[in-house]
């Protein structure tokens, strides 16, 4: 079932494209116009060791620049916040805060998360190789890290952008050949007011 699911996901990529012919310009334009994003998200995490799929959901908030919050409603109280150089994870009531400037791995993760959520794929720099695809409804970007440290915990990122408004519809992070975390975003509101308290660390 897992192999069939993975194959089906890949088949939905569509045709391979040259990003310089429309895609990059549209994505940059949308990113420049977007000051904030509020939406719902669903998270699916598969771990082969446990032969188990965990599902969770919540609210996603983004505000320029480098302010990201995933506020979980199930499980209630879990939280991921990135604000500038600080990164916070709260699980089961326990919070961990890391300064990304002092942790190269966390800094890379922060840059990748910001790139994925904002559409500013230049943040990946020369640390990855990207392929671009399109079908009738979505653009898909398949990003393969080339940095050895990043490759040790992340094999590939698959981003799907809605062709209507160029916002991120889903993000799949493949840790290896079997394990992955998939985020799907819905009910997106662009440039709505987002309280800075959401990003307090």
C-alpha atoms as a PDB file:
ATOM      1  CA  UNK A   1       0.000   0.000   0.000  1.00  0.00           C
ATOM      2  CA  UNK A   2       2.835   2.356   0.848  1.00  0.00           C
ATOM      3  CA  UNK A   3       4.543   1.741  -2.498  1.00  0.00           C
ATOM      4  CA  UNK A   4       1.267   2.293  -4.390  1.00  0.00           C
ATOM      5  CA  UNK A   5       0.667   5.525  -2.494  1.00  0.00           C
ATOM      6  CA  UNK A   6       4.167   6.778  -3.273  1.00  0.00           C
ATOM      7  CA  UNK A   7       3.824   5.870  -6.949  1.00  0.00           C
ATOM      8  CA  UNK A   8       0.459   7.629  -7.204  1.00  0.00           C
ATOM      9  CA  UNK A   9       1.931  10.741  -5.598  1.00  0.00           C
ATOM     10  CA  UNK A  10       4.754  10.792  -8.154  1.00  0.00           C
ATOM     11  CA  UNK A  11       2.398  10.281 -11.111  1.00  0.00           C
ATOM     12  CA  UNK A  12       0.533  13.475 -10.202  1.00  0.00           C
ATOM     13  CA  UNK A  13       3.597  15.620 -10.903  1.00  0.00           C
ATOM     14  CA  UNK A  14       2.627  16.090 -14.548  1.00  0.00           C
ATOM     15  CA  UNK A  15       5.020  17.252 -17.259  1.00  0.00           C
ATOM     16  CA  UNK A  16       8.549  18.438 -16.598  1.00  0.00           C
ATOM     17  CA  UNK A  17       9.026  22.172 -17.258  1.00  0.00           C
ATOM     18  CA  UNK A  18      11.670  24.862 -17.497  1.00  0.00           C
ATOM     19  CA  UNK A  19      11.044  27.136 -14.452  1.00  0.00           C
ATOM     20  CA  UNK A  20      12.321  30.211 -16.296  1.00  0.00           C
ATOM     21  CA  UNK A  21       9.286  30.038 -18.597  1.00  0.00           C
ATOM     22  CA  UNK A  22       6.667  31.523 -16.327  1.00  0.00           C
ATOM     23  CA  UNK A  23       6.899  29.578 -13.083  1.00  0.00           C
ATOM     24  CA  UNK A  24       9.729  31.453 -11.342  1.00  0.00           C
ATOM     25  CA  UNK A  25       8.332  34.862 -12.264  1.00  0.00           C
ATOM     26  CA  UNK A  26       4.818  33.970 -11.058  1.00  0.00           C
ATOM     27  CA  UNK A  27       6.125  32.525  -7.793  1.00  0.00           C
ATOM     28  CA  UNK A  28       8.292  35.568  -7.051  1.00  0.00           C
ATOM     29  CA  UNK A  29       5.434  37.942  -7.838  1.00  0.00           C
ATOM     30  CA  UNK A  30       3.100  36.060  -5.501  1.00  0.00           C
ATOM     31  CA  UNK A  31       5.746  35.948  -2.773  1.00  0.00           C
ATOM     32  CA  UNK A  32       6.366  39.706  -3.064  1.00  0.00           C
ATOM     33  CA  UNK A  33       2.632  40.399  -2.678  1.00  0.00           C
ATOM     34  CA  UNK A  34       2.174  38.116   0.313  1.00  0.00           C
ATOM     35  CA  UNK A  35       2.724  39.746   3.697  1.00  0.00           C
ATOM     36  CA  UNK A  36       0.950  37.080   5.738  1.00  0.00           C
ATOM     37  CA  UNK A  37      -0.758  33.689   5.404  1.00  0.00           C
ATOM     38  CA  UNK A  38      -3.312  32.050   7.676  1.00  0.00           C
ATOM     39  CA  UNK A  39      -4.617  28.572   6.913  1.00  0.00           C
ATOM     40  CA  UNK A  40      -5.503  25.125   8.230  1.00  0.00           C
ATOM     41  CA  UNK A  41      -3.045  22.267   7.925  1.00  0.00           C
ATOM     42  CA  UNK A  42      -3.140  18.507   8.235  1.00  0.00           C
ATOM     43  CA  UNK A  43       0.021  16.548   8.960  1.00  0.00           C
ATOM     44  CA  UNK A  44       0.624  12.893   8.160  1.00  0.00           C
ATOM     45  CA  UNK A  45       3.802  11.244   9.436  1.00  0.00           C
ATOM     46  CA  UNK A  46       4.747   7.693   8.468  1.00  0.00           C
ATOM     47  CA  UNK A  47       7.463   5.806  10.378  1.00  0.00           C
ATOM     48  CA  UNK A  48       8.428   2.418   8.978  1.00  0.00           C
ATOM     49  CA  UNK A  49      10.061   1.306  12.248  1.00  0.00           C
ATOM     50  CA  UNK A  50       6.683   1.505  13.953  1.00  0.00           C
ATOM     51  CA  UNK A  51       4.711   0.567  10.807  1.00  0.00           C
ATOM     52  CA  UNK A  52       2.455   3.397  11.846  1.00  0.00           C
ATOM     53  CA  UNK A  53       0.953   6.576  10.419  1.00  0.00           C
ATOM     54  CA  UNK A  54       0.349   9.486  12.797  1.00  0.00           C
ATOM     55  CA  UNK A  55      -2.111  12.205  11.833  1.00  0.00           C
ATOM     56  CA  UNK A  56      -2.452  15.660  13.344  1.00  0.00           C
ATOM     57  CA  UNK A  57      -3.850  19.053  12.388  1.00  0.00           C
ATOM     58  CA  UNK A  58      -3.938  22.703  13.339  1.00  0.00           C
ATOM     59  CA  UNK A  59      -3.519  26.288  12.200  1.00  0.00           C
ATOM     60  CA  UNK A  60      -0.605  27.675  10.206  1.00  0.00           C
ATOM     61  CA  UNK A  61       0.489  31.328  10.429  1.00  0.00           C
ATOM     62  CA  UNK A  62       3.151  33.162   8.436  1.00  0.00           C
ATOM     63  CA  UNK A  63       4.216  36.796   8.585  1.00  0.00           C
ATOM     64  CA  UNK A  64       7.080  38.562   6.858  1.00  0.00           C
ATOM     65  CA  UNK A  65       9.873  38.213   7.542  1.00  0.00           C
ATOM     66  CA  UNK A  66      10.830  34.768   8.878  1.00  0.00           C
ATOM     67  CA  UNK A  67       7.885  34.367  11.238  1.00  0.00           C
ATOM     68  CA  UNK A  68       6.238  30.941  11.091  1.00  0.00           C
ATOM     69  CA  UNK A  69       3.890  29.217  13.526  1.00  0.00           C
ATOM     70  CA  UNK A  70       2.258  25.787  13.399  1.00  0.00           C
ATOM     71  CA  UNK A  71      -0.329  25.743  16.186  1.00  0.00           C
ATOM     72  CA  UNK A  72      -1.634  22.204  16.680  1.00  0.00           C
ATOM     73  CA  UNK A  73      -5.255  21.622  17.660  1.00  0.00           C
ATOM     74  CA  UNK A  74      -4.771  17.846  17.573  1.00  0.00           C
ATOM     75  CA  UNK A  75      -2.738  17.068  19.596  1.00  0.00           C
ATOM     76  CA  UNK A  76      -3.825  20.164  21.518  1.00  0.00           C
ATOM     77  CA  UNK A  77      -1.026  22.394  22.791  1.00  0.00           C
ATOM     78  CA  UNK A  78       1.787  21.250  20.494  1.00  0.00           C
ATOM     79  CA  UNK A  79       3.556  24.125  18.781  1.00  0.00           C
ATOM     80  CA  UNK A  80       6.324  24.919  16.294  1.00  0.00           C
ATOM     81  CA  UNK A  81       7.428  28.568  16.071  1.00  0.00           C
ATOM     82  CA  UNK A  82      10.201  30.206  14.085  1.00  0.00           C
ATOM     83  CA  UNK A  83      10.924  33.888  14.620  1.00  0.00           C
ATOM     84  CA  UNK A  84      14.108  35.291  13.133  1.00  0.00           C
ATOM     85  CA  UNK A  85      17.027  33.327  14.557  1.00  0.00           C
ATOM     86  CA  UNK A  86      14.983  31.493  17.205  1.00  0.00           C
ATOM     87  CA  UNK A  87      13.210  28.167  16.775  1.00  0.00           C
ATOM     88  CA  UNK A  88      10.784  26.722  19.340  1.00  0.00           C
ATOM     89  CA  UNK A  89       9.204  23.268  19.578  1.00  0.00           C
ATOM     90  CA  UNK A  90       6.591  22.563  22.241  1.00  0.00           C
ATOM     91  CA  UNK A  91       5.447  18.980  22.780  1.00  0.00           C
ATOM     92  CA  UNK A  92       3.362  17.599  25.657  1.00  0.00           C
ATOM     93  CA  UNK A  93       3.759  20.858  27.541  1.00  0.00           C
ATOM     94  CA  UNK A  94       7.567  20.891  27.294  1.00  0.00           C
ATOM     95  CA  UNK A  95       9.230  23.607  25.209  1.00  0.00           C
ATOM     96  CA  UNK A  96      12.662  23.582  23.584  1.00  0.00           C
ATOM     97  CA  UNK A  97      14.151  26.806  22.160  1.00  0.00           C
ATOM     98  CA  UNK A  98      17.180  26.828  19.867  1.00  0.00           C
ATOM     99  CA  UNK A  99      19.117  29.778  18.453  1.00  0.00           C
ATOM    100  CA  UNK A 100      19.594  28.849  14.825  1.00  0.00           C
ATOM    101  CA  UNK A 101      22.704  31.016  14.400  1.00  0.00           C
ATOM    102  CA  UNK A 102      24.568  28.767  16.854  1.00  0.00           C
ATOM    103  CA  UNK A 103      23.295  25.528  15.290  1.00  0.00           C
ATOM    104  CA  UNK A 104      24.144  25.048  11.579  1.00  0.00           C
ATOM    105  CA  UNK A 105      21.660  22.175  11.153  1.00  0.00           C
ATOM    106  CA  UNK A 106      18.789  24.194  12.653  1.00  0.00           C
ATOM    107  CA  UNK A 107      19.760  27.213  10.540  1.00  0.00           C
ATOM    108  CA  UNK A 108      19.552  25.092   7.403  1.00  0.00           C
ATOM    109  CA  UNK A 109      16.197  23.706   8.520  1.00  0.00           C
ATOM    110  CA  UNK A 110      14.978  27.247   9.191  1.00  0.00           C
ATOM    111  CA  UNK A 111      16.051  28.419   5.737  1.00  0.00           C
ATOM    112  CA  UNK A 112      14.365  25.404   4.129  1.00  0.00           C
ATOM    113  CA  UNK A 113      11.148  25.932   6.064  1.00  0.00           C
ATOM    114  CA  UNK A 114      11.079  29.618   5.146  1.00  0.00           C
ATOM    115  CA  UNK A 115      11.818  28.817   1.489  1.00  0.00           C
ATOM    116  CA  UNK A 116       9.020  26.255   1.345  1.00  0.00           C
ATOM    117  CA  UNK A 117       6.387  28.385   3.049  1.00  0.00           C
ATOM    118  CA  UNK A 118       7.165  31.683   1.326  1.00  0.00           C
ATOM    119  CA  UNK A 119       8.035  30.397  -2.141  1.00  0.00           C
ATOM    120  CA  UNK A 120      11.466  32.047  -1.958  1.00  0.00           C
ATOM    121  CA  UNK A 121      13.300  29.002  -3.288  1.00  0.00           C
ATOM    122  CA  UNK A 122      16.521  31.011  -3.614  1.00  0.00           C
ATOM    123  CA  UNK A 123      17.037  30.348   0.099  1.00  0.00           C
ATOM    124  CA  UNK A 124      18.052  26.804  -0.838  1.00  0.00           C
ATOM    125  CA  UNK A 125      21.108  28.330  -2.518  1.00  0.00           C
ATOM    126  CA  UNK A 126      23.512  25.806  -4.004  1.00  0.00           C
ATOM    127  CA  UNK A 127      22.716  23.181  -1.370  1.00  0.00           C
ATOM    128  CA  UNK A 128      20.229  21.299  -3.537  1.00  0.00           C
ATOM    129  CA  UNK A 129      19.097  20.257  -7.017  1.00  0.00           C
ATOM    130  CA  UNK A 130      15.530  21.012  -8.136  1.00  0.00           C
ATOM    131  CA  UNK A 131      13.188  19.620 -10.789  1.00  0.00           C
ATOM    132  CA  UNK A 132       9.950  21.319 -11.874  1.00  0.00           C
ATOM    133  CA  UNK A 133       6.666  19.855 -13.118  1.00  0.00           C
ATOM    134  CA  UNK A 134       3.132  20.997 -13.874  1.00  0.00           C
ATOM    135  CA  UNK A 135      -0.311  19.530 -14.384  1.00  0.00           C
ATOM    136  CA  UNK A 136      -3.662  21.269 -14.877  1.00  0.00           C
ATOM    137  CA  UNK A 137      -3.987  22.452 -11.270  1.00  0.00           C
ATOM    138  CA  UNK A 138      -0.515  22.508  -9.703  1.00  0.00           C
ATOM    139  CA  UNK A 139       3.163  23.199 -10.116  1.00  0.00           C
ATOM    140  CA  UNK A 140       5.389  20.667  -8.342  1.00  0.00           C
ATOM    141  CA  UNK A 141       8.985  21.291  -7.273  1.00  0.00           C
ATOM    142  CA  UNK A 142      11.082  18.277  -6.285  1.00  0.00           C
ATOM    143  CA  UNK A 143      14.099  19.368  -4.242  1.00  0.00           C
ATOM    144  CA  UNK A 144      16.973  16.984  -3.528  1.00  0.00           C
ATOM    145  CA  UNK A 145      19.537  18.247  -0.982  1.00  0.00           C
ATOM    146  CA  UNK A 146      23.193  17.870  -1.927  1.00  0.00           C
ATOM    147  CA  UNK A 147      24.655  18.926   1.417  1.00  0.00           C
ATOM    148  CA  UNK A 148      25.920  15.794   3.180  1.00  0.00           C
ATOM    149  CA  UNK A 149      24.700  16.895   6.612  1.00  0.00           C
ATOM    150  CA  UNK A 150      21.206  17.668   5.344  1.00  0.00           C
ATOM    151  CA  UNK A 151      21.051  14.429   3.331  1.00  0.00           C
ATOM    152  CA  UNK A 152      21.614  12.439   6.529  1.00  0.00           C
ATOM    153  CA  UNK A 153      18.120  13.351   7.759  1.00  0.00           C
ATOM    154  CA  UNK A 154      16.277  14.590   4.667  1.00  0.00           C
ATOM    155  CA  UNK A 155      16.355  12.825   1.307  1.00  0.00           C
ATOM    156  CA  UNK A 156      13.895  14.951  -0.655  1.00  0.00           C
ATOM    157  CA  UNK A 157      11.274  17.713  -0.413  1.00  0.00           C
ATOM    158  CA  UNK A 158       8.248  17.819  -2.709  1.00  0.00           C
ATOM    159  CA  UNK A 159       6.389  21.138  -2.898  1.00  0.00           C
ATOM    160  CA  UNK A 160       3.048  21.603  -4.676  1.00  0.00           C
ATOM    161  CA  UNK A 161       1.868  25.100  -5.529  1.00  0.00           C
ATOM    162  CA  UNK A 162      -1.690  25.997  -6.523  1.00  0.00           C
ATOM    163  CA  UNK A 163      -1.583  27.438 -10.044  1.00  0.00           C
ATOM    164  CA  UNK A 164      -4.426  29.819  -9.215  1.00  0.00           C
ATOM    165  CA  UNK A 165      -2.723  31.888  -6.514  1.00  0.00           C
ATOM    166  CA  UNK A 166       0.751  30.266  -6.346  1.00  0.00           C
ATOM    167  CA  UNK A 167       0.361  29.415  -2.657  1.00  0.00           C
ATOM    168  CA  UNK A 168       1.756  26.205  -1.186  1.00  0.00           C
ATOM    169  CA  UNK A 169      -0.827  23.397  -1.249  1.00  0.00           C
ATOM    170  CA  UNK A 170       1.322  20.633   0.197  1.00  0.00           C
ATOM    171  CA  UNK A 171       4.826  19.881   1.377  1.00  0.00           C
ATOM    172  CA  UNK A 172       6.168  16.336   1.635  1.00  0.00           C
ATOM    173  CA  UNK A 173       9.497  15.757   3.396  1.00  0.00           C
ATOM    174  CA  UNK A 174      10.970  12.330   2.635  1.00  0.00           C
ATOM    175  CA  UNK A 175      13.431  11.397   5.370  1.00  0.00           C
ATOM    176  CA  UNK A 176      14.460   8.232   3.501  1.00  0.00           C
ATOM    177  CA  UNK A 177      12.940   5.740   1.039  1.00  0.00           C
ATOM    178  CA  UNK A 178       9.972   4.971   3.310  1.00  0.00           C
ATOM    179  CA  UNK A 179       9.594   7.528   6.113  1.00  0.00           C
ATOM    180  CA  UNK A 180       7.984  10.859   5.371  1.00  0.00           C
ATOM    181  CA  UNK A 181       6.044  13.809   6.770  1.00  0.00           C
ATOM    182  CA  UNK A 182       3.301  15.325   4.622  1.00  0.00           C
ATOM    183  CA  UNK A 183       1.677  18.711   5.257  1.00  0.00           C
ATOM    184  CA  UNK A 184      -1.465  19.733   3.362  1.00  0.00           C
ATOM    185  CA  UNK A 185      -2.752  23.314   3.552  1.00  0.00           C
ATOM    186  CA  UNK A 186      -6.348  24.494   3.063  1.00  0.00           C
ATOM    187  CA  UNK A 187      -8.677  27.473   3.631  1.00  0.00           C
ATOM    188  CA  UNK A 188      -5.846  29.914   2.976  1.00  0.00           C
ATOM    189  CA  UNK A 189      -6.255  33.616   3.729  1.00  0.00           C
ATOM    190  CA  UNK A 190      -3.619  35.966   2.354  1.00  0.00           C
ATOM    191  CA  UNK A 191      -2.587  39.287   3.914  1.00  0.00           C
ATOM    192  CA  UNK A 192      -5.018  39.034   6.818  1.00  0.00           C
ATOM    193  CA  UNK A 193      -3.970  40.553  10.132  1.00  0.00           C
ATOM    194  CA  UNK A 194      -1.865  38.130  12.218  1.00  0.00           C
ATOM    195  CA  UNK A 195      -1.089  38.998  15.836  1.00  0.00           C
ATOM    196  CA  UNK A 196       2.647  39.067  16.627  1.00  0.00           C
ATOM    197  CA  UNK A 197       1.897  37.099  19.795  1.00  0.00           C
ATOM    198  CA  UNK A 198       1.557  34.019  17.592  1.00  0.00           C
ATOM    199  CA  UNK A 199       5.326  34.152  17.018  1.00  0.00           C
ATOM    200  CA  UNK A 200       6.403  34.884  20.593  1.00  0.00           C
ATOM    201  CA  UNK A 201       9.314  32.763  21.791  1.00  0.00           C
END
